[in-house]
């Protein structure tokens, strides 16, 4: 997969040749105005859905108007430009996944998570603080990982329910929600 760096950012990398995830980092040259503009609608939407606050003046920490860190209150979500554009091969998609350390130590979980092969814009990193405590991330930090996966091009076809599983039976059948392995 070919990429272009359009901001001052570390190159996305796999930690080891056997690692599935490609680590993405927070850029070091994001203007505060960009962050405020991109995230204002997220916080307004969140406020309408619950009692969450609108974006606070100190959510984005800066020096000389450049982002140096992000302070996330419990329940806050943020959209961060990655500084990366990617030429994702046809038949593939980038799927965002949590970094185990970031998710378990900071309580940040991935929100928007699919980048399709026909997308040509800057990839964004979307995370939410799902804990009861504030957390802080810095420009330059590893934040999420993307997995490049092969996708099926099979289209959805609507059929009559009686024909849906014609000739195909499974031991599980329609059991779900804790039924696996139960007799």
C-alpha atoms as a PDB file:
ATOM      1  CA  UNK A   1       0.000   0.000   0.000  1.00  0.00           C
ATOM      2  CA  UNK A   2       1.388   3.396  -0.983  1.00  0.00           C
ATOM      3  CA  UNK A   3       0.995   6.409   1.314  1.00  0.00           C
ATOM      4  CA  UNK A   4       1.759  10.123   1.221  1.00  0.00           C
ATOM      5  CA  UNK A   5       2.517  12.160   4.338  1.00  0.00           C
ATOM      6  CA  UNK A   6       0.737  15.526   4.100  1.00  0.00           C
ATOM      7  CA  UNK A   7       1.609  16.697   7.618  1.00  0.00           C
ATOM      8  CA  UNK A   8       4.609  16.391   9.919  1.00  0.00           C
ATOM      9  CA  UNK A   9       3.900  12.879  11.209  1.00  0.00           C
ATOM     10  CA  UNK A  10       5.721   9.639  11.886  1.00  0.00           C
ATOM     11  CA  UNK A  11       5.369   7.081   9.098  1.00  0.00           C
ATOM     12  CA  UNK A  12       2.721   4.438   9.845  1.00  0.00           C
ATOM     13  CA  UNK A  13       4.545   1.217  10.689  1.00  0.00           C
ATOM     14  CA  UNK A  14       4.099  -2.373  11.756  1.00  0.00           C
ATOM     15  CA  UNK A  15       6.001  -2.981  14.990  1.00  0.00           C
ATOM     16  CA  UNK A  16       7.125  -6.389  13.706  1.00  0.00           C
ATOM     17  CA  UNK A  17       6.873  -8.161  10.354  1.00  0.00           C
ATOM     18  CA  UNK A  18       4.303 -10.533  11.902  1.00  0.00           C
ATOM     19  CA  UNK A  19       2.120  -7.743  13.344  1.00  0.00           C
ATOM     20  CA  UNK A  20      -1.288  -7.335  11.698  1.00  0.00           C
ATOM     21  CA  UNK A  21      -1.829  -3.701  12.672  1.00  0.00           C
ATOM     22  CA  UNK A  22      -0.187  -0.679  11.071  1.00  0.00           C
ATOM     23  CA  UNK A  23       0.351   1.934  13.797  1.00  0.00           C
ATOM     24  CA  UNK A  24      -0.831   5.492  13.099  1.00  0.00           C
ATOM     25  CA  UNK A  25       0.442   8.492  15.058  1.00  0.00           C
ATOM     26  CA  UNK A  26      -0.913  11.924  15.984  1.00  0.00           C
ATOM     27  CA  UNK A  27       0.739  14.539  13.701  1.00  0.00           C
ATOM     28  CA  UNK A  28       2.964  17.249  15.140  1.00  0.00           C
ATOM     29  CA  UNK A  29       1.772  20.153  12.976  1.00  0.00           C
ATOM     30  CA  UNK A  30      -2.012  20.386  13.241  1.00  0.00           C
ATOM     31  CA  UNK A  31      -3.298  23.976  13.552  1.00  0.00           C
ATOM     32  CA  UNK A  32      -5.640  24.404  16.519  1.00  0.00           C
ATOM     33  CA  UNK A  33      -8.245  26.056  14.266  1.00  0.00           C
ATOM     34  CA  UNK A  34      -8.438  22.848  12.200  1.00  0.00           C
ATOM     35  CA  UNK A  35      -9.068  20.748  15.319  1.00  0.00           C
ATOM     36  CA  UNK A  36     -11.712  23.129  16.636  1.00  0.00           C
ATOM     37  CA  UNK A  37     -13.475  23.276  13.269  1.00  0.00           C
ATOM     38  CA  UNK A  38     -13.410  19.491  12.723  1.00  0.00           C
ATOM     39  CA  UNK A  39     -14.558  18.608  16.217  1.00  0.00           C
ATOM     40  CA  UNK A  40     -17.153  21.284  16.967  1.00  0.00           C
ATOM     41  CA  UNK A  41     -19.926  19.288  15.259  1.00  0.00           C
ATOM     42  CA  UNK A  42     -18.925  16.100  17.106  1.00  0.00           C
ATOM     43  CA  UNK A  43     -19.304  17.781  20.482  1.00  0.00           C
ATOM     44  CA  UNK A  44     -22.537  19.572  19.555  1.00  0.00           C
ATOM     45  CA  UNK A  45     -24.003  16.254  18.371  1.00  0.00           C
ATOM     46  CA  UNK A  46     -22.810  14.521  21.527  1.00  0.00           C
ATOM     47  CA  UNK A  47     -24.394  17.238  23.672  1.00  0.00           C
ATOM     48  CA  UNK A  48     -27.746  16.735  21.978  1.00  0.00           C
ATOM     49  CA  UNK A  49     -27.564  12.975  22.611  1.00  0.00           C
ATOM     50  CA  UNK A  50     -26.648  13.224  26.307  1.00  0.00           C
ATOM     51  CA  UNK A  51     -25.501  15.636  28.955  1.00  0.00           C
ATOM     52  CA  UNK A  52     -21.979  15.879  27.509  1.00  0.00           C
ATOM     53  CA  UNK A  53     -20.370  19.297  27.331  1.00  0.00           C
ATOM     54  CA  UNK A  54     -19.517  21.226  24.210  1.00  0.00           C
ATOM     55  CA  UNK A  55     -15.888  21.432  23.246  1.00  0.00           C
ATOM     56  CA  UNK A  56     -13.911  23.227  25.955  1.00  0.00           C
ATOM     57  CA  UNK A  57     -11.289  25.856  25.279  1.00  0.00           C
ATOM     58  CA  UNK A  58      -8.639  23.665  26.905  1.00  0.00           C
ATOM     59  CA  UNK A  59      -9.531  20.407  25.100  1.00  0.00           C
ATOM     60  CA  UNK A  60      -6.745  21.104  22.609  1.00  0.00           C
ATOM     61  CA  UNK A  61      -3.417  22.164  24.067  1.00  0.00           C
ATOM     62  CA  UNK A  62      -1.144  24.171  21.762  1.00  0.00           C
ATOM     63  CA  UNK A  63       2.096  26.052  21.428  1.00  0.00           C
ATOM     64  CA  UNK A  64       2.239  28.777  18.763  1.00  0.00           C
ATOM     65  CA  UNK A  65      -1.239  27.702  17.591  1.00  0.00           C
ATOM     66  CA  UNK A  66      -0.022  24.127  16.813  1.00  0.00           C
ATOM     67  CA  UNK A  67      -1.581  21.140  18.577  1.00  0.00           C
ATOM     68  CA  UNK A  68       0.673  19.606  21.247  1.00  0.00           C
ATOM     69  CA  UNK A  69      -1.932  17.534  23.039  1.00  0.00           C
ATOM     70  CA  UNK A  70      -5.568  16.639  23.489  1.00  0.00           C
ATOM     71  CA  UNK A  71      -7.325  16.455  26.859  1.00  0.00           C
ATOM     72  CA  UNK A  72     -10.387  14.189  26.745  1.00  0.00           C
ATOM     73  CA  UNK A  73     -13.012  14.248  29.468  1.00  0.00           C
ATOM     74  CA  UNK A  74     -15.063  11.082  30.095  1.00  0.00           C
ATOM     75  CA  UNK A  75     -17.367  10.529  27.125  1.00  0.00           C
ATOM     76  CA  UNK A  76     -15.517  12.955  24.829  1.00  0.00           C
ATOM     77  CA  UNK A  77     -14.866  11.866  21.264  1.00  0.00           C
ATOM     78  CA  UNK A  78     -12.377  13.501  18.925  1.00  0.00           C
ATOM     79  CA  UNK A  79     -11.559  13.393  15.219  1.00  0.00           C
ATOM     80  CA  UNK A  80      -7.838  13.825  14.501  1.00  0.00           C
ATOM     81  CA  UNK A  81      -6.327  14.168  11.009  1.00  0.00           C
ATOM     82  CA  UNK A  82      -3.618  11.505  10.618  1.00  0.00           C
ATOM     83  CA  UNK A  83      -1.488  13.410   8.120  1.00  0.00           C
ATOM     84  CA  UNK A  84      -1.699  10.347   5.861  1.00  0.00           C
ATOM     85  CA  UNK A  85      -3.361   9.723   2.531  1.00  0.00           C
ATOM     86  CA  UNK A  86      -3.282   6.113   1.332  1.00  0.00           C
ATOM     87  CA  UNK A  87      -3.731   4.414  -2.013  1.00  0.00           C
ATOM     88  CA  UNK A  88      -5.590   1.372  -0.713  1.00  0.00           C
ATOM     89  CA  UNK A  89      -5.527  -1.431  -3.300  1.00  0.00           C
ATOM     90  CA  UNK A  90      -8.831  -2.312  -4.962  1.00  0.00           C
ATOM     91  CA  UNK A  91     -10.483  -5.200  -3.137  1.00  0.00           C
ATOM     92  CA  UNK A  92      -9.057  -4.106   0.236  1.00  0.00           C
ATOM     93  CA  UNK A  93     -10.051  -1.802   3.101  1.00  0.00           C
ATOM     94  CA  UNK A  94      -8.225  -0.317   6.072  1.00  0.00           C
ATOM     95  CA  UNK A  95     -10.039  -1.188   9.283  1.00  0.00           C
ATOM     96  CA  UNK A  96      -9.183   0.812  12.418  1.00  0.00           C
ATOM     97  CA  UNK A  97      -8.622  -1.204  15.578  1.00  0.00           C
ATOM     98  CA  UNK A  98      -7.738  -0.273  19.122  1.00  0.00           C
ATOM     99  CA  UNK A  99      -4.115  -0.296  20.230  1.00  0.00           C
ATOM    100  CA  UNK A 100      -4.280  -2.572  23.272  1.00  0.00           C
ATOM    101  CA  UNK A 101      -2.141  -0.263  25.425  1.00  0.00           C
ATOM    102  CA  UNK A 102      -4.055   2.873  24.474  1.00  0.00           C
ATOM    103  CA  UNK A 103      -7.415   1.171  25.012  1.00  0.00           C
ATOM    104  CA  UNK A 104      -6.547  -0.544  28.292  1.00  0.00           C
ATOM    105  CA  UNK A 105      -4.416   2.194  29.885  1.00  0.00           C
ATOM    106  CA  UNK A 106      -6.180   5.341  28.644  1.00  0.00           C
ATOM    107  CA  UNK A 107      -9.661   4.019  27.925  1.00  0.00           C
ATOM    108  CA  UNK A 108      -9.695   5.360  24.365  1.00  0.00           C
ATOM    109  CA  UNK A 109     -11.640   3.276  21.895  1.00  0.00           C
ATOM    110  CA  UNK A 110     -11.907   3.551  18.110  1.00  0.00           C
ATOM    111  CA  UNK A 111     -15.036   5.141  16.695  1.00  0.00           C
ATOM    112  CA  UNK A 112     -15.208   5.511  12.876  1.00  0.00           C
ATOM    113  CA  UNK A 113     -13.235   2.559  11.591  1.00  0.00           C
ATOM    114  CA  UNK A 114     -13.481   1.806   7.851  1.00  0.00           C
ATOM    115  CA  UNK A 115     -11.422   3.418   5.088  1.00  0.00           C
ATOM    116  CA  UNK A 116     -12.539   2.168   1.666  1.00  0.00           C
ATOM    117  CA  UNK A 117     -10.231   1.735  -1.318  1.00  0.00           C
ATOM    118  CA  UNK A 118     -11.987   4.498  -3.288  1.00  0.00           C
ATOM    119  CA  UNK A 119     -11.360   7.117  -0.554  1.00  0.00           C
ATOM    120  CA  UNK A 120      -8.622   9.573  -1.558  1.00  0.00           C
ATOM    121  CA  UNK A 121      -8.713  12.079   1.306  1.00  0.00           C
ATOM    122  CA  UNK A 122      -6.743  12.359   4.518  1.00  0.00           C
ATOM    123  CA  UNK A 123      -7.376   9.467   6.892  1.00  0.00           C
ATOM    124  CA  UNK A 124      -8.692  10.586  10.286  1.00  0.00           C
ATOM    125  CA  UNK A 125      -8.279   8.971  13.687  1.00  0.00           C
ATOM    126  CA  UNK A 126     -11.522   8.857  15.651  1.00  0.00           C
ATOM    127  CA  UNK A 127     -11.451   7.920  19.343  1.00  0.00           C
ATOM    128  CA  UNK A 128     -13.709   8.228  22.384  1.00  0.00           C
ATOM    129  CA  UNK A 129     -12.806   8.270  26.070  1.00  0.00           C
ATOM    130  CA  UNK A 130     -15.033   5.497  27.468  1.00  0.00           C
ATOM    131  CA  UNK A 131     -13.744   5.784  31.049  1.00  0.00           C
ATOM    132  CA  UNK A 132     -14.862   7.817  34.038  1.00  0.00           C
ATOM    133  CA  UNK A 133     -11.550   9.699  34.159  1.00  0.00           C
ATOM    134  CA  UNK A 134      -9.976  12.332  31.908  1.00  0.00           C
ATOM    135  CA  UNK A 135      -6.998  11.352  29.746  1.00  0.00           C
ATOM    136  CA  UNK A 136      -4.362  13.156  27.726  1.00  0.00           C
ATOM    137  CA  UNK A 137      -2.615  12.274  24.442  1.00  0.00           C
ATOM    138  CA  UNK A 138       0.306  14.101  22.844  1.00  0.00           C
ATOM    139  CA  UNK A 139       1.194  14.997  19.280  1.00  0.00           C
ATOM    140  CA  UNK A 140       3.545  12.243  18.120  1.00  0.00           C
ATOM    141  CA  UNK A 141       1.810   9.513  20.173  1.00  0.00           C
ATOM    142  CA  UNK A 142       0.842   6.194  18.635  1.00  0.00           C
ATOM    143  CA  UNK A 143      -2.966   6.227  18.812  1.00  0.00           C
ATOM    144  CA  UNK A 144      -4.670   3.516  16.751  1.00  0.00           C
ATOM    145  CA  UNK A 145      -3.773   0.782  14.313  1.00  0.00           C
ATOM    146  CA  UNK A 146      -5.219  -0.052  10.930  1.00  0.00           C
ATOM    147  CA  UNK A 147      -5.447  -3.548   9.495  1.00  0.00           C
ATOM    148  CA  UNK A 148      -5.389  -3.894   5.705  1.00  0.00           C
ATOM    149  CA  UNK A 149      -7.926  -6.589   4.890  1.00  0.00           C
ATOM    150  CA  UNK A 150      -9.200  -8.237   1.737  1.00  0.00           C
ATOM    151  CA  UNK A 151     -12.905  -7.675   1.205  1.00  0.00           C
ATOM    152  CA  UNK A 152     -15.484  -9.621  -0.730  1.00  0.00           C
ATOM    153  CA  UNK A 153     -17.152  -7.923  -3.664  1.00  0.00           C
ATOM    154  CA  UNK A 154     -20.234 -10.106  -3.329  1.00  0.00           C
ATOM    155  CA  UNK A 155     -23.378  -7.987  -3.476  1.00  0.00           C
ATOM    156  CA  UNK A 156     -26.464  -8.324  -1.289  1.00  0.00           C
ATOM    157  CA  UNK A 157     -29.299 -10.278  -2.908  1.00  0.00           C
ATOM    158  CA  UNK A 158     -32.785 -10.306  -1.404  1.00  0.00           C
ATOM    159  CA  UNK A 159     -34.470 -13.735  -1.482  1.00  0.00           C
ATOM    160  CA  UNK A 160     -37.528 -15.278   0.137  1.00  0.00           C
ATOM    161  CA  UNK A 161     -36.762 -16.470   3.680  1.00  0.00           C
ATOM    162  CA  UNK A 162     -37.742 -20.048   2.751  1.00  0.00           C
ATOM    163  CA  UNK A 163     -34.952 -20.068   0.123  1.00  0.00           C
ATOM    164  CA  UNK A 164     -32.310 -18.409   2.292  1.00  0.00           C
ATOM    165  CA  UNK A 165     -30.708 -21.572   3.722  1.00  0.00           C
ATOM    166  CA  UNK A 166     -32.080 -24.045   1.182  1.00  0.00           C
ATOM    167  CA  UNK A 167     -30.123 -27.283   1.465  1.00  0.00           C
ATOM    168  CA  UNK A 168     -27.916 -25.947   4.284  1.00  0.00           C
ATOM    169  CA  UNK A 169     -28.384 -26.898   7.917  1.00  0.00           C
ATOM    170  CA  UNK A 170     -26.005 -26.333  10.794  1.00  0.00           C
ATOM    171  CA  UNK A 171     -25.820 -27.729  14.316  1.00  0.00           C
ATOM    172  CA  UNK A 172     -26.117 -24.192  15.688  1.00  0.00           C
ATOM    173  CA  UNK A 173     -29.121 -23.163  13.619  1.00  0.00           C
ATOM    174  CA  UNK A 174     -30.553 -19.843  14.821  1.00  0.00           C
ATOM    175  CA  UNK A 175     -29.103 -20.053  18.338  1.00  0.00           C
ATOM    176  CA  UNK A 176     -27.386 -16.856  19.436  1.00  0.00           C
ATOM    177  CA  UNK A 177     -26.549 -14.664  22.406  1.00  0.00           C
ATOM    178  CA  UNK A 178     -24.676 -17.200  24.512  1.00  0.00           C
ATOM    179  CA  UNK A 179     -26.061 -20.345  22.899  1.00  0.00           C
ATOM    180  CA  UNK A 180     -22.775 -21.503  21.316  1.00  0.00           C
ATOM    181  CA  UNK A 181     -21.737 -24.833  22.823  1.00  0.00           C
ATOM    182  CA  UNK A 182     -24.896 -25.088  24.958  1.00  0.00           C
ATOM    183  CA  UNK A 183     -27.097 -28.162  24.722  1.00  0.00           C
END
